[in-house]
C-alpha atoms as a PDB file:
ATOM      1  CA  MET A   1      38.085  11.709  20.165  1.00  0.00           C
ATOM      2  CA  PRO A   2      37.580  15.453  20.867  1.00  0.00           C
ATOM      3  CA  ARG A   3      38.945  17.861  18.315  1.00  0.00           C
ATOM      4  CA  LYS A   4      42.189  19.671  19.046  1.00  0.00           C
ATOM      5  CA  ILE A   5      41.864  23.184  20.484  1.00  0.00           C
ATOM      6  CA  GLU A   6      45.058  24.872  21.636  1.00  0.00           C
ATOM      7  CA  THR A   7      46.063  28.336  22.790  1.00  0.00           C
ATOM      8  CA  HIS A   8      49.508  29.597  21.814  1.00  0.00           C
ATOM      9  CA  MET A   9      51.688  32.647  22.241  1.00  0.00           C
ATOM     10  CA  ILE A  10      53.420  32.985  18.876  1.00  0.00           C
ATOM     11  CA  ALA A  11      56.651  34.955  18.514  1.00  0.00           C
ATOM     12  CA  GLY A  12      55.791  38.071  16.516  1.00  0.00           C
ATOM     13  CA  PRO A  13      57.925  40.933  15.202  1.00  0.00           C
ATOM     14  CA  VAL A  14      57.541  43.000  18.401  1.00  0.00           C
ATOM     15  CA  GLY A  15      56.478  40.417  20.960  1.00  0.00           C
ATOM     16  CA  ARG A  16      54.216  37.487  21.609  1.00  0.00           C
ATOM     17  CA  LEU A  17      50.905  37.150  19.755  1.00  0.00           C
ATOM     18  CA  GLU A  18      47.943  35.491  21.433  1.00  0.00           C
ATOM     19  CA  SER A  19      46.416  32.814  19.204  1.00  0.00           C
ATOM     20  CA  LEU A  20      43.899  29.981  19.059  1.00  0.00           C
ATOM     21  CA  LEU A  21      44.403  26.842  16.961  1.00  0.00           C
ATOM     22  CA  GLU A  22      41.414  24.608  16.153  1.00  0.00           C
ATOM     23  CA  GLU A  23      41.302  21.433  14.086  1.00  0.00           C
ATOM     24  CA  PRO A  24      38.137  20.213  12.287  1.00  0.00           C
ATOM     25  CA  ASP A  25      35.271  18.708  14.247  1.00  0.00           C
ATOM     26  CA  GLU A  26      35.675  15.445  12.353  1.00  0.00           C
ATOM     27  CA  GLY A  27      38.688  13.834  10.693  1.00  0.00           C
ATOM     28  CA  ALA A  28      42.185  15.071  10.039  1.00  0.00           C
ATOM     29  CA  PRO A  29      42.626  18.517   8.464  1.00  0.00           C
ATOM     30  CA  HIS A  30      43.336  18.661   4.741  1.00  0.00           C
ATOM     31  CA  PHE A  31      44.293  22.342   4.610  1.00  0.00           C
ATOM     32  CA  ALA A  32      45.460  25.057   6.989  1.00  0.00           C
ATOM     33  CA  ALA A  33      43.868  28.498   7.260  1.00  0.00           C
ATOM     34  CA  LEU A  34      44.893  31.729   8.943  1.00  0.00           C
ATOM     35  CA  VAL A  35      42.063  34.131   9.858  1.00  0.00           C
ATOM     36  CA  CYS A  36      42.643  37.870  10.428  1.00  0.00           C
ATOM     37  CA  HIS A  37      40.305  39.915  12.613  1.00  0.00           C
ATOM     38  CA  PRO A  38      38.863  43.439  12.096  1.00  0.00           C
ATOM     39  CA  HIS A  39      40.270  46.794  13.178  1.00  0.00           C
ATOM     40  CA  PRO A  40      41.900  46.617  16.621  1.00  0.00           C
ATOM     41  CA  GLN A  41      41.049  50.235  17.410  1.00  0.00           C
ATOM     42  CA  HIS A  42      37.347  49.587  16.876  1.00  0.00           C
ATOM     43  CA  GLY A  43      36.995  46.577  19.140  1.00  0.00           C
ATOM     44  CA  GLY A  44      38.261  43.947  16.712  1.00  0.00           C
ATOM     45  CA  THR A  45      39.638  40.729  18.211  1.00  0.00           C
ATOM     46  CA  MET A  46      39.990  37.100  17.161  1.00  0.00           C
ATOM     47  CA  HIS A  47      36.725  36.449  19.045  1.00  0.00           C
ATOM     48  CA  ASN A  48      34.683  38.779  16.826  1.00  0.00           C
ATOM     49  CA  LYS A  49      31.471  36.963  15.827  1.00  0.00           C
ATOM     50  CA  VAL A  50      32.171  37.227  12.080  1.00  0.00           C
ATOM     51  CA  VAL A  51      35.736  35.959  12.555  1.00  0.00           C
ATOM     52  CA  TYR A  52      34.385  33.072  14.622  1.00  0.00           C
ATOM     53  CA  ARG A  53      31.977  32.183  11.807  1.00  0.00           C
ATOM     54  CA  ILE A  54      34.782  32.334   9.220  1.00  0.00           C
ATOM     55  CA  ALA A  55      36.831  29.958  11.353  1.00  0.00           C
ATOM     56  CA  ARG A  56      33.918  27.581  11.904  1.00  0.00           C
ATOM     57  CA  GLY A  57      32.996  27.536   8.223  1.00  0.00           C
ATOM     58  CA  LEU A  58      36.566  26.703   7.276  1.00  0.00           C
ATOM     59  CA  ARG A  59      36.751  23.972   9.917  1.00  0.00           C
ATOM     60  CA  LYS A  60      33.583  22.455   8.457  1.00  0.00           C
ATOM     61  CA  ALA A  61      35.344  22.470   5.084  1.00  0.00           C
ATOM     62  CA  GLY A  62      38.245  20.509   6.595  1.00  0.00           C
ATOM     63  CA  ALA A  63      40.671  23.165   7.788  1.00  0.00           C
ATOM     64  CA  VAL A  64      42.845  23.505  10.803  1.00  0.00           C
ATOM     65  CA  VAL A  65      42.327  27.181  11.626  1.00  0.00           C
ATOM     66  CA  LEU A  66      44.598  29.641  13.398  1.00  0.00           C
ATOM     67  CA  ARG A  67      43.087  32.864  14.744  1.00  0.00           C
ATOM     68  CA  PHE A  68      45.258  35.448  16.468  1.00  0.00           C
ATOM     69  CA  ASN A  69      45.192  38.892  18.054  1.00  0.00           C
ATOM     70  CA  TYR A  70      47.257  41.650  16.488  1.00  0.00           C
ATOM     71  CA  ARG A  71      49.858  43.481  18.546  1.00  0.00           C
ATOM     72  CA  GLY A  72      48.350  45.351  21.477  1.00  0.00           C
ATOM     73  CA  VAL A  73      45.069  43.388  21.463  1.00  0.00           C
ATOM     74  CA  ASN A  74      44.231  41.486  24.671  1.00  0.00           C
ATOM     75  CA  LEU A  75      47.331  39.449  25.587  1.00  0.00           C
ATOM     76  CA  SER A  76      49.320  40.211  22.420  1.00  0.00           C
ATOM     77  CA  GLU A  77      52.328  42.418  23.033  1.00  0.00           C
ATOM     78  CA  GLY A  78      53.127  45.681  21.239  1.00  0.00           C
ATOM     79  CA  THR A  79      51.042  48.647  20.105  1.00  0.00           C
ATOM     80  CA  TYR A  80      48.857  49.459  17.121  1.00  0.00           C
ATOM     81  CA  ASP A  81      50.867  50.167  13.950  1.00  0.00           C
ATOM     82  CA  HIS A  82      48.354  51.456  11.363  1.00  0.00           C
ATOM     83  CA  GLY A  83      48.089  48.172   9.479  1.00  0.00           C
ATOM     84  CA  VAL A  84      51.798  47.889   8.694  1.00  0.00           C
ATOM     85  CA  GLY A  85      52.818  46.047  11.831  1.00  0.00           C
ATOM     86  CA  GLU A  86      49.559  44.106  11.862  1.00  0.00           C
ATOM     87  CA  THR A  87      50.391  42.738   8.417  1.00  0.00           C
ATOM     88  CA  GLU A  88      53.754  41.616   9.754  1.00  0.00           C
ATOM     89  CA  ASP A  89      51.975  39.956  12.684  1.00  0.00           C
ATOM     90  CA  ALA A  90      49.833  38.013  10.211  1.00  0.00           C
ATOM     91  CA  ARG A  91      52.904  36.950   8.259  1.00  0.00           C
ATOM     92  CA  ALA A  92      54.541  35.660  11.447  1.00  0.00           C
ATOM     93  CA  CYS A  93      51.427  33.662  12.334  1.00  0.00           C
ATOM     94  CA  LEU A  94      51.177  32.274   8.808  1.00  0.00           C
ATOM     95  CA  GLU A  95      54.772  31.061   8.971  1.00  0.00           C
ATOM     96  CA  TRP A  96      54.114  29.454  12.352  1.00  0.00           C
ATOM     97  CA  LEU A  97      51.078  27.666  10.905  1.00  0.00           C
ATOM     98  CA  ARG A  98      52.994  26.480   7.842  1.00  0.00           C
ATOM     99  CA  LYS A  99      55.755  25.068  10.029  1.00  0.00           C
ATOM    100  CA  ARG A 100      53.220  23.377  12.297  1.00  0.00           C
ATOM    101  CA  TYR A 101      51.480  21.712   9.310  1.00  0.00           C
ATOM    102  CA  PRO A 102      54.130  21.584   6.562  1.00  0.00           C
ATOM    103  CA  GLN A 103      52.301  18.848   4.653  1.00  0.00           C
ATOM    104  CA  LEU A 104      49.096  20.877   4.219  1.00  0.00           C
ATOM    105  CA  PRO A 105      48.246  23.505   1.586  1.00  0.00           C
ATOM    106  CA  ALA A 106      47.475  26.857   3.186  1.00  0.00           C
ATOM    107  CA  MET A 107      45.118  29.789   2.712  1.00  0.00           C
ATOM    108  CA  ILE A 108      44.305  33.086   4.419  1.00  0.00           C
ATOM    109  CA  ALA A 109      41.024  34.817   5.211  1.00  0.00           C
ATOM    110  CA  GLY A 110      40.026  38.019   6.948  1.00  0.00           C
ATOM    111  CA  PHE A 111      37.135  40.267   7.876  1.00  0.00           C
ATOM    112  CA  SER A 112      37.015  44.054   7.254  1.00  0.00           C
ATOM    113  CA  PHE A 113      40.454  45.452   8.256  1.00  0.00           C
ATOM    114  CA  GLY A 114      41.547  41.806   8.296  1.00  0.00           C
ATOM    115  CA  SER A 115      40.385  41.326   4.701  1.00  0.00           C
ATOM    116  CA  ARG A 116      42.794  44.051   3.605  1.00  0.00           C
ATOM    117  CA  ILE A 117      45.643  42.277   5.392  1.00  0.00           C
ATOM    118  CA  ALA A 118      44.665  38.902   3.921  1.00  0.00           C
ATOM    119  CA  LEU A 119      44.518  40.334   0.394  1.00  0.00           C
ATOM    120  CA  ARG A 120      47.851  42.092   0.797  1.00  0.00           C
ATOM    121  CA  ILE A 121      49.570  38.899   1.915  1.00  0.00           C
ATOM    122  CA  GLY A 122      47.802  36.819  -0.721  1.00  0.00           C
ATOM    123  CA  ALA A 123      49.149  39.042  -3.476  1.00  0.00           C
ATOM    124  CA  GLN A 124      52.669  38.438  -2.168  1.00  0.00           C
ATOM    125  CA  ARG A 125      52.398  34.702  -1.527  1.00  0.00           C
ATOM    126  CA  PRO A 126      51.667  32.687  -4.690  1.00  0.00           C
ATOM    127  CA  ASP A 127      52.203  29.513  -2.640  1.00  0.00           C
ATOM    128  CA  LEU A 128      48.857  30.098  -0.917  1.00  0.00           C
ATOM    129  CA  LYS A 129      45.851  28.298  -2.359  1.00  0.00           C
ATOM    130  CA  LYS A 130      43.081  30.787  -1.572  1.00  0.00           C
ATOM    131  CA  VAL A 131      42.227  34.195  -0.146  1.00  0.00           C
ATOM    132  CA  ILE A 132      38.762  34.825   1.291  1.00  0.00           C
ATOM    133  CA  ALA A 133      38.036  38.523   1.864  1.00  0.00           C
ATOM    134  CA  CYS A 134      34.909  39.193   3.929  1.00  0.00           C
ATOM    135  CA  GLY A 135      33.443  42.668   4.304  1.00  0.00           C
ATOM    136  CA  PHE A 136      36.175  44.371   2.281  1.00  0.00           C
ATOM    137  CA  PRO A 137      35.918  48.114   3.119  1.00  0.00           C
ATOM    138  CA  THR A 138      35.904  50.099  -0.109  1.00  0.00           C
ATOM    139  CA  VAL A 139      36.040  53.347   1.886  1.00  0.00           C
ATOM    140  CA  TYR A 140      39.838  52.972   1.776  1.00  0.00           C
ATOM    141  CA  LYS A 141      40.824  54.136  -1.697  1.00  0.00           C
ATOM    142  CA  ASP A 142      44.357  52.737  -1.851  1.00  0.00           C
ATOM    143  CA  ARG A 143      43.933  49.399  -3.604  1.00  0.00           C
ATOM    144  CA  SER A 144      47.356  49.206  -5.213  1.00  0.00           C
ATOM    145  CA  TYR A 145      48.146  46.052  -3.257  1.00  0.00           C
ATOM    146  CA  LEU A 146      45.304  44.035  -4.801  1.00  0.00           C
ATOM    147  CA  ASP A 147      46.954  43.220  -8.148  1.00  0.00           C
ATOM    148  CA  PRO A 148      48.824  41.431  -9.502  1.00  0.00           C
ATOM    149  CA  CYS A 149      47.720  38.343  -7.585  1.00  0.00           C
ATOM    150  CA  LEU A 150      48.162  34.719  -8.644  1.00  0.00           C
ATOM    151  CA  VAL A 151      46.084  33.295  -5.788  1.00  0.00           C
ATOM    152  CA  PRO A 152      42.356  32.598  -6.329  1.00  0.00           C
ATOM    153  CA  ARG A 153      40.254  35.064  -4.335  1.00  0.00           C
ATOM    154  CA  THR A 154      36.679  35.087  -3.097  1.00  0.00           C
ATOM    155  CA  PHE A 155      34.983  38.221  -1.765  1.00  0.00           C
ATOM    156  CA  ILE A 156      32.016  37.599   0.564  1.00  0.00           C
ATOM    157  CA  HIS A 157      30.017  40.720   1.279  1.00  0.00           C
ATOM    158  CA  SER A 158      26.797  41.990   2.840  1.00  0.00           C
ATOM    159  CA  THR A 159      24.257  43.552   0.501  1.00  0.00           C
ATOM    160  CA  HIS A 160      23.940  46.454   2.969  1.00  0.00           C
ATOM    161  CA  ASP A 161      27.545  47.006   4.004  1.00  0.00           C
ATOM    162  CA  GLU A 162      27.922  50.602   5.149  1.00  0.00           C
ATOM    163  CA  PHE A 163      31.699  50.498   4.617  1.00  0.00           C
ATOM    164  CA  GLY A 164      31.523  48.964   1.152  1.00  0.00           C
ATOM    165  CA  PRO A 165      28.389  49.636  -0.891  1.00  0.00           C
ATOM    166  CA  LYS A 166      27.371  46.699  -3.051  1.00  0.00           C
ATOM    167  CA  ASP A 167      27.744  48.437  -6.414  1.00  0.00           C
ATOM    168  CA  GLU A 168      31.071  49.973  -5.457  1.00  0.00           C
ATOM    169  CA  LEU A 169      32.547  46.635  -4.410  1.00  0.00           C
ATOM    170  CA  ALA A 170      31.255  44.959  -7.568  1.00  0.00           C
ATOM    171  CA  ALA A 171      33.031  47.605  -9.658  1.00  0.00           C
ATOM    172  CA  VAL A 172      36.286  47.124  -7.714  1.00  0.00           C
ATOM    173  CA  VAL A 173      36.208  43.338  -8.066  1.00  0.00           C
ATOM    174  CA  ALA A 174      35.384  43.510 -11.789  1.00  0.00           C
ATOM    175  CA  GLU A 175      38.635  45.368 -12.406  1.00  0.00           C
ATOM    176  CA  LEU A 176      40.848  42.841 -10.605  1.00  0.00           C
ATOM    177  CA  ASP A 177      42.842  40.005 -12.139  1.00  0.00           C
ATOM    178  CA  GLY A 178      40.625  36.988 -12.650  1.00  0.00           C
ATOM    179  CA  PRO A 179      38.264  38.554 -11.764  1.00  0.00           C
ATOM    180  CA  PRO A 180      37.780  37.069  -8.288  1.00  0.00           C
ATOM    181  CA  GLU A 181      34.595  35.327  -7.213  1.00  0.00           C
ATOM    182  CA  LEU A 182      32.081  37.681  -5.578  1.00  0.00           C
ATOM    183  CA  VAL A 183      29.365  36.405  -3.237  1.00  0.00           C
ATOM    184  CA  PHE A 184      26.720  38.704  -1.773  1.00  0.00           C
ATOM    185  CA  ILE A 185      24.836  37.754   1.385  1.00  0.00           C
ATOM    186  CA  GLU A 186      21.478  39.410   2.036  1.00  0.00           C
ATOM    187  CA  ALA A 187      22.222  41.008   5.410  1.00  0.00           C
ATOM    188  CA  LYS A 188      21.440  44.147   7.367  1.00  0.00           C
ATOM    189  CA  ASP A 189      24.925  45.580   7.734  1.00  0.00           C
ATOM    190  CA  HIS A 190      28.708  45.166   7.616  1.00  0.00           C
ATOM    191  CA  PHE A 191      28.557  42.533  10.369  1.00  0.00           C
ATOM    192  CA  PHE A 192      26.104  40.257   8.509  1.00  0.00           C
ATOM    193  CA  VAL A 193      23.386  40.788  11.125  1.00  0.00           C
ATOM    194  CA  ASP A 194      20.545  38.240  10.758  1.00  0.00           C
ATOM    195  CA  ALA A 195      22.552  36.376   8.105  1.00  0.00           C
ATOM    196  CA  LEU A 196      25.492  34.798   9.924  1.00  0.00           C
ATOM    197  CA  ASP A 197      24.330  31.258   9.126  1.00  0.00           C
ATOM    198  CA  ALA A 198      24.207  32.042   5.402  1.00  0.00           C
ATOM    199  CA  PHE A 199      27.545  33.801   5.699  1.00  0.00           C
ATOM    200  CA  GLU A 200      29.148  30.768   7.343  1.00  0.00           C
ATOM    201  CA  GLN A 201      27.794  28.525   4.597  1.00  0.00           C
ATOM    202  CA  ALA A 202      29.304  30.832   1.961  1.00  0.00           C
ATOM    203  CA  VAL A 203      32.694  30.619   3.672  1.00  0.00           C
ATOM    204  CA  MET A 204      32.457  26.840   3.878  1.00  0.00           C
ATOM    205  CA  HIS A 205      31.618  26.549   0.182  1.00  0.00           C
ATOM    206  CA  ALA A 206      34.371  28.968  -0.873  1.00  0.00           C
ATOM    207  CA  ALA A 207      37.115  26.557   0.230  1.00  0.00           C
ATOM    208  CA  PRO A 208      36.318  23.051  -1.113  1.00  0.00           C
ATOM    209  CA  LYS A 209      36.511  24.110  -4.769  1.00  0.00           C
ATOM    210  CA  VAL A 210      40.227  24.705  -4.250  1.00  0.00           C
ATOM    211  CA  PHE A 211      41.041  21.888  -1.870  1.00  0.00           C
ATOM    212  CA  ALA A 212      38.865  19.049  -3.120  1.00  0.00           C
ATOM    213  CA  GLY A 213      41.105  16.177  -4.088  1.00  0.00           C
ATOM    214  CA  GLY A 214      43.971  17.198  -1.801  1.00  0.00           C
ATOM    215  CA  ASN A 215      47.089  19.174  -2.666  1.00  0.00           C
END
């Protein structure tokens, strides 16, 4: 039986949000994951190659995955709102996903700009089981939203990320509650060039430690 792939227009705070729902390649999902894409004003969409790899890695780990476009991106209604409105868009999509799969534990992941949104929501939602932050940009100095956080977090990062130098990110993560897990991928740049397979494997392995054994 082919896996379920559906397109949806989810009701967001300022209009409809274009989204893509995908269940695992094999078997029923045992957790639900929302994935947030990078900066919409720099070409970020839910079809970004890193976002696609996050989604595929999570599906391999057993997730049903919802990707979506923020307001003003492709078919999503509204206009860019400097991260504030985009966070609200993510919250609306997370609630839609939770209602669609109320029996499943849920998590959130994001890449770059999307990692900041995922971490912000994770710090406010102790009911979530995991946050995976990929390519977290340390160039933004406001990190007040990172702690306190009761949700386990994993940072996955390129060793040559031009928007988050390796040593700088390591220092940030070391100061956080936990501290969170930090995984470096040997890659050429922020977008994990020449290392997307290793990146996808890291995403896949970040999830089962939380979800093994069910709820």
